[in-house]
């Protein structure tokens, strides 16, 4: 009789203890992630543990050797007769954000992160992409398809044809040659008249030298403006 009562008591205590335990399912999308409960390693990837009533700290961490590894930290409280609990953690791999066109500025809030293409970690979520002559574009990083560039909408003025080879291009080239030739011509004439002034002392030659130096300088200045404008249009294309 005593033996039967002892077995019954053990059964009741066992059932009572089991009733106090809660099954906790901890899952992640990285099979090599490490799972800790109160800093004790309990497994990798996906685990199922029985927890008694109390407070617990859950940590799910990527491989420490990985660049910019991620970690999730949760705190849970298990109460008596709590329902089973399921925790799911999704790691997001770093992504190379590409844009069309390239060299677009990428912002997180007011902070410039860099220019595309840009390697970004999962710590960034809401991003804004900006580039001159294109509409700003707001994106969520976790919705960006891998290796698919983000295309920006062009809002600038459409250019009619290419500048190089256009009538304006050849007009500027022709005028540059003419201005260069004019500057050189008057400079040579001025040098000759100055030599004559040195030989004869005649001030007429000196006056001619001054006038021709002036013409040469004006032509050379116009040549510089011409070439500067030409270079600007080429780089702006």
Protein backbone atom coordinates (compact mmCIF):
# COMPACT_ATOMS: atom_id res chain seq x y z
CA UNK A 1 0.00 0.00 0.00
CA UNK A 2 2.80 2.38 0.93
CA UNK A 3 4.57 1.54 -2.32
CA UNK A 4 1.46 2.42 -4.29
CA UNK A 5 1.09 5.74 -2.47
CA UNK A 6 4.75 6.58 -3.15
CA UNK A 7 4.36 5.89 -6.86
CA UNK A 8 1.19 7.99 -6.95
CA UNK A 9 2.93 10.87 -5.14
CA UNK A 10 5.89 10.79 -7.54
CA UNK A 11 3.49 10.79 -10.49
CA UNK A 12 1.57 13.79 -9.12
CA UNK A 13 4.80 15.74 -8.49
CA UNK A 14 6.10 14.92 -11.96
CA UNK A 15 2.87 16.03 -13.62
CA UNK A 16 2.86 19.18 -11.49
CA UNK A 17 6.45 20.07 -12.47
CA UNK A 18 5.77 19.39 -16.15
CA UNK A 19 2.70 21.61 -15.98
CA UNK A 20 4.91 24.47 -14.78
CA UNK A 21 7.36 24.13 -17.68
CA UNK A 22 6.78 25.96 -20.97
CA UNK A 23 8.08 24.87 -24.34
CA UNK A 24 9.95 27.68 -26.10
CA UNK A 25 10.71 27.29 -29.80
CA UNK A 26 13.61 29.49 -30.94
CA UNK A 27 14.13 29.64 -34.69
CA UNK A 28 16.43 31.59 -37.00
CA UNK A 29 17.16 31.60 -40.72
CA UNK A 30 20.88 30.99 -40.08
CA UNK A 31 21.72 27.41 -39.18
CA UNK A 32 25.12 28.44 -37.81
CA UNK A 33 23.70 31.14 -35.51
CA UNK A 34 24.35 30.60 -31.79
CA UNK A 35 21.45 30.65 -29.32
CA UNK A 36 22.01 31.62 -25.69
CA UNK A 37 19.65 31.67 -22.73
CA UNK A 38 20.96 33.70 -19.80
CA UNK A 39 24.39 33.58 -21.49
CA UNK A 40 24.37 29.76 -21.64
CA UNK A 41 24.74 28.26 -25.11
CA UNK A 42 21.73 26.01 -25.76
CA UNK A 43 22.15 25.27 -29.47
CA UNK A 44 22.47 26.54 -33.04
CA UNK A 45 19.97 27.48 -35.72
CA UNK A 46 16.70 26.17 -34.24
CA UNK A 47 16.15 24.81 -30.73
CA UNK A 48 13.30 23.76 -28.46
CA UNK A 49 13.78 24.23 -24.72
CA UNK A 50 11.67 23.72 -21.60
CA UNK A 51 11.70 26.70 -19.27
CA UNK A 52 10.31 26.98 -15.77
CA UNK A 53 8.56 30.16 -14.61
CA UNK A 54 10.97 33.08 -14.42
CA UNK A 55 12.68 35.78 -16.48
CA UNK A 56 15.11 34.90 -19.26
CA UNK A 57 17.40 36.72 -21.67
CA UNK A 58 17.50 35.24 -25.17
CA UNK A 59 20.43 36.00 -27.48
CA UNK A 60 20.68 34.83 -31.08
CA UNK A 61 23.99 35.76 -32.64
CA UNK A 62 25.67 35.31 -36.01
CA UNK A 63 29.20 33.99 -36.28
CA UNK A 64 31.49 36.45 -34.46
CA UNK A 65 34.07 36.15 -37.23
CA UNK A 66 31.65 37.55 -39.80
CA UNK A 67 32.04 41.21 -40.72
CA UNK A 68 29.42 43.35 -38.99
CA UNK A 69 27.75 40.30 -37.43
CA UNK A 70 24.22 40.78 -36.12
CA UNK A 71 22.74 39.87 -32.75
CA UNK A 72 19.17 39.75 -31.45
CA UNK A 73 18.50 40.20 -27.73
CA UNK A 74 15.09 39.45 -26.20
CA UNK A 75 13.83 39.29 -22.64
CA UNK A 76 10.91 37.02 -21.87
CA UNK A 77 8.97 36.13 -18.76
CA UNK A 78 7.57 32.64 -18.29
CA UNK A 79 4.60 32.41 -15.94
CA UNK A 80 3.02 29.36 -14.38
CA UNK A 81 0.96 27.46 -16.96
CA UNK A 82 2.13 29.77 -19.77
CA UNK A 83 1.31 28.70 -23.30
CA UNK A 84 4.10 27.45 -25.53
CA UNK A 85 6.13 30.32 -27.01
CA UNK A 86 7.62 30.64 -30.48
CA UNK A 87 10.41 33.13 -31.22
CA UNK A 88 11.62 33.72 -34.77
CA UNK A 89 14.69 35.72 -35.79
CA UNK A 90 15.56 36.69 -39.35
CA UNK A 91 19.08 37.81 -40.19
CA UNK A 92 19.49 40.09 -43.21
CA UNK A 93 22.70 39.72 -45.18
CA UNK A 94 24.62 42.86 -46.21
CA UNK A 95 23.59 44.03 -49.65
CA UNK A 96 25.33 45.97 -52.41
CA UNK A 97 22.91 48.72 -53.32
CA UNK A 98 23.17 49.55 -57.01
CA UNK A 99 21.40 52.36 -58.83
CA UNK A 100 20.71 53.54 -62.35
CA UNK A 101 22.48 55.89 -62.84
CA UNK A 102 25.60 55.08 -60.79
CA UNK A 103 27.17 57.50 -58.32
CA UNK A 104 23.83 58.41 -56.72
CA UNK A 105 23.92 59.67 -53.13
CA UNK A 106 22.42 57.35 -50.49
CA UNK A 107 21.06 58.87 -47.27
CA UNK A 108 19.81 57.42 -43.98
CA UNK A 109 17.80 60.33 -42.62
CA UNK A 110 20.04 63.39 -43.02
CA UNK A 111 23.27 61.36 -42.99
CA UNK A 112 25.05 60.67 -46.27
CA UNK A 113 26.18 57.02 -46.26
CA UNK A 114 28.02 57.19 -49.59
CA UNK A 115 27.54 56.93 -53.33
CA UNK A 116 26.28 53.92 -55.25
CA UNK A 117 27.21 51.15 -55.65
CA UNK A 118 27.43 50.88 -51.85
CA UNK A 119 27.71 47.93 -49.44
CA UNK A 120 25.10 48.31 -46.69
CA UNK A 121 24.45 46.31 -43.54
CA UNK A 122 21.07 45.43 -42.08
CA UNK A 123 21.25 48.19 -39.46
CA UNK A 124 19.88 50.57 -42.09
CA UNK A 125 16.22 50.37 -43.05
CA UNK A 126 14.67 53.50 -44.55
CA UNK A 127 16.93 55.02 -47.19
CA UNK A 128 16.69 57.91 -49.64
CA UNK A 129 18.52 57.96 -52.98
CA UNK A 130 19.32 61.33 -54.56
CA UNK A 131 21.00 62.55 -57.74
CA UNK A 132 20.91 65.81 -59.66
CA UNK A 133 18.27 65.86 -62.43
CA UNK A 134 16.57 62.76 -60.96
CA UNK A 135 13.62 62.44 -58.58
CA UNK A 136 14.46 61.38 -55.00
CA UNK A 137 13.51 57.78 -54.24
CA UNK A 138 12.69 56.36 -50.79
CA UNK A 139 13.25 52.64 -50.29
CA UNK A 140 13.19 49.96 -47.59
CA UNK A 141 16.44 48.02 -47.65
CA UNK A 142 14.79 44.69 -46.80
CA UNK A 143 12.58 45.03 -49.89
CA UNK A 144 15.48 45.52 -52.29
CA UNK A 145 16.02 42.55 -54.60
CA UNK A 146 19.57 41.20 -54.60
CA UNK A 147 21.65 42.41 -57.57
CA UNK A 148 18.72 44.40 -58.98
CA UNK A 149 19.62 48.10 -59.40
CA UNK A 150 17.25 50.80 -58.19
CA UNK A 151 16.27 52.94 -61.17
CA UNK A 152 15.74 56.66 -60.63
CA UNK A 153 13.29 58.76 -62.64
CA UNK A 154 14.91 61.43 -64.81
CA UNK A 155 13.30 64.86 -64.31
CA UNK A 156 15.92 67.08 -65.98
CA UNK A 157 15.75 68.64 -69.41
CA UNK A 158 16.22 66.30 -72.33
CA UNK A 159 19.13 67.27 -74.54
CA UNK A 160 18.68 67.30 -78.29
CA UNK A 161 21.49 65.13 -79.59
CA UNK A 162 25.12 64.98 -78.56
CA UNK A 163 27.19 68.12 -78.18
CA UNK A 164 30.37 66.59 -79.61
CA UNK A 165 29.99 66.74 -83.37
CA UNK A 166 27.17 69.30 -83.27
CA UNK A 167 27.23 72.65 -85.09
CA UNK A 168 27.97 74.45 -81.83
CA UNK A 169 30.90 72.13 -81.16
CA UNK A 170 32.48 72.77 -84.56
CA UNK A 171 31.70 76.48 -84.27
CA UNK A 172 33.62 76.68 -81.00
CA UNK A 173 36.50 74.66 -82.47
CA UNK A 174 36.67 76.97 -85.50
CA UNK A 175 36.54 80.12 -83.39
CA UNK A 176 39.24 78.72 -81.08
CA UNK A 177 41.54 78.16 -84.06
CA UNK A 178 40.79 81.66 -85.39
CA UNK A 179 41.40 83.31 -82.02
CA UNK A 180 44.60 81.36 -81.48
CA UNK A 181 45.85 82.31 -84.93
CA UNK A 182 44.96 85.98 -84.37
CA UNK A 183 46.70 86.06 -80.99
CA UNK A 184 49.84 84.49 -82.46
CA UNK A 185 49.81 86.81 -85.50
CA UNK A 186 49.65 90.02 -83.47
CA UNK A 187 52.23 88.73 -81.00
CA UNK A 188 54.70 88.07 -83.82
CA UNK A 189 54.00 91.50 -85.33
CA UNK A 190 54.47 93.15 -81.94
CA UNK A 191 57.81 91.41 -81.41
CA UNK A 192 59.07 92.54 -84.83
CA UNK A 193 58.04 96.16 -84.25
CA UNK A 194 59.69 96.11 -80.84
CA UNK A 195 62.93 94.90 -82.42
CA UNK A 196 62.70 97.79 -84.92
CA UNK A 197 62.14 100.22 -82.05
CA UNK A 198 65.28 98.92 -80.35
CA UNK A 199 67.24 99.32 -83.59
CA UNK A 200 65.96 102.78 -84.56
CA UNK A 201 64.56 104.33 -81.40
CA UNK A 202 61.48 105.40 -83.41
CA UNK A 203 58.48 105.68 -81.04
CA UNK A 204 56.06 104.84 -83.87
CA UNK A 205 57.33 101.27 -83.72
CA UNK A 206 56.82 101.26 -79.92
CA UNK A 207 53.23 102.50 -80.32
CA UNK A 208 52.57 99.77 -82.89
CA UNK A 209 54.06 97.24 -80.48
CA UNK A 210 51.69 98.33 -77.70
CA UNK A 211 48.62 98.16 -79.97
CA UNK A 212 49.54 94.77 -81.35
CA UNK A 213 50.28 93.40 -77.86
CA UNK A 214 46.83 94.61 -76.83
CA UNK A 215 45.17 92.88 -79.81
CA UNK A 216 47.14 89.72 -79.07
CA UNK A 217 46.15 89.79 -75.38
CA UNK A 218 42.46 90.34 -76.13
CA UNK A 219 42.48 87.49 -78.67
CA UNK A 220 44.25 85.19 -76.23
CA UNK A 221 41.75 86.05 -73.46
CA UNK A 222 38.84 85.31 -75.79
CA UNK A 223 40.54 82.03 -76.72
CA UNK A 224 40.68 81.00 -73.05
CA UNK A 225 36.98 81.78 -72.58
CA UNK A 226 36.17 79.84 -75.72
CA UNK A 227 38.13 76.77 -74.61
CA UNK A 228 36.66 76.95 -71.09
CA UNK A 229 33.11 77.00 -72.45
CA UNK A 230 33.94 74.16 -74.84
CA UNK A 231 35.35 72.03 -72.01
CA UNK A 232 32.33 72.74 -69.80
CA UNK A 233 29.90 71.58 -72.49
CA UNK A 234 31.91 68.41 -73.12
CA UNK A 235 32.03 67.49 -69.41
CA UNK A 236 28.35 68.38 -68.90
CA UNK A 237 27.21 65.99 -71.63
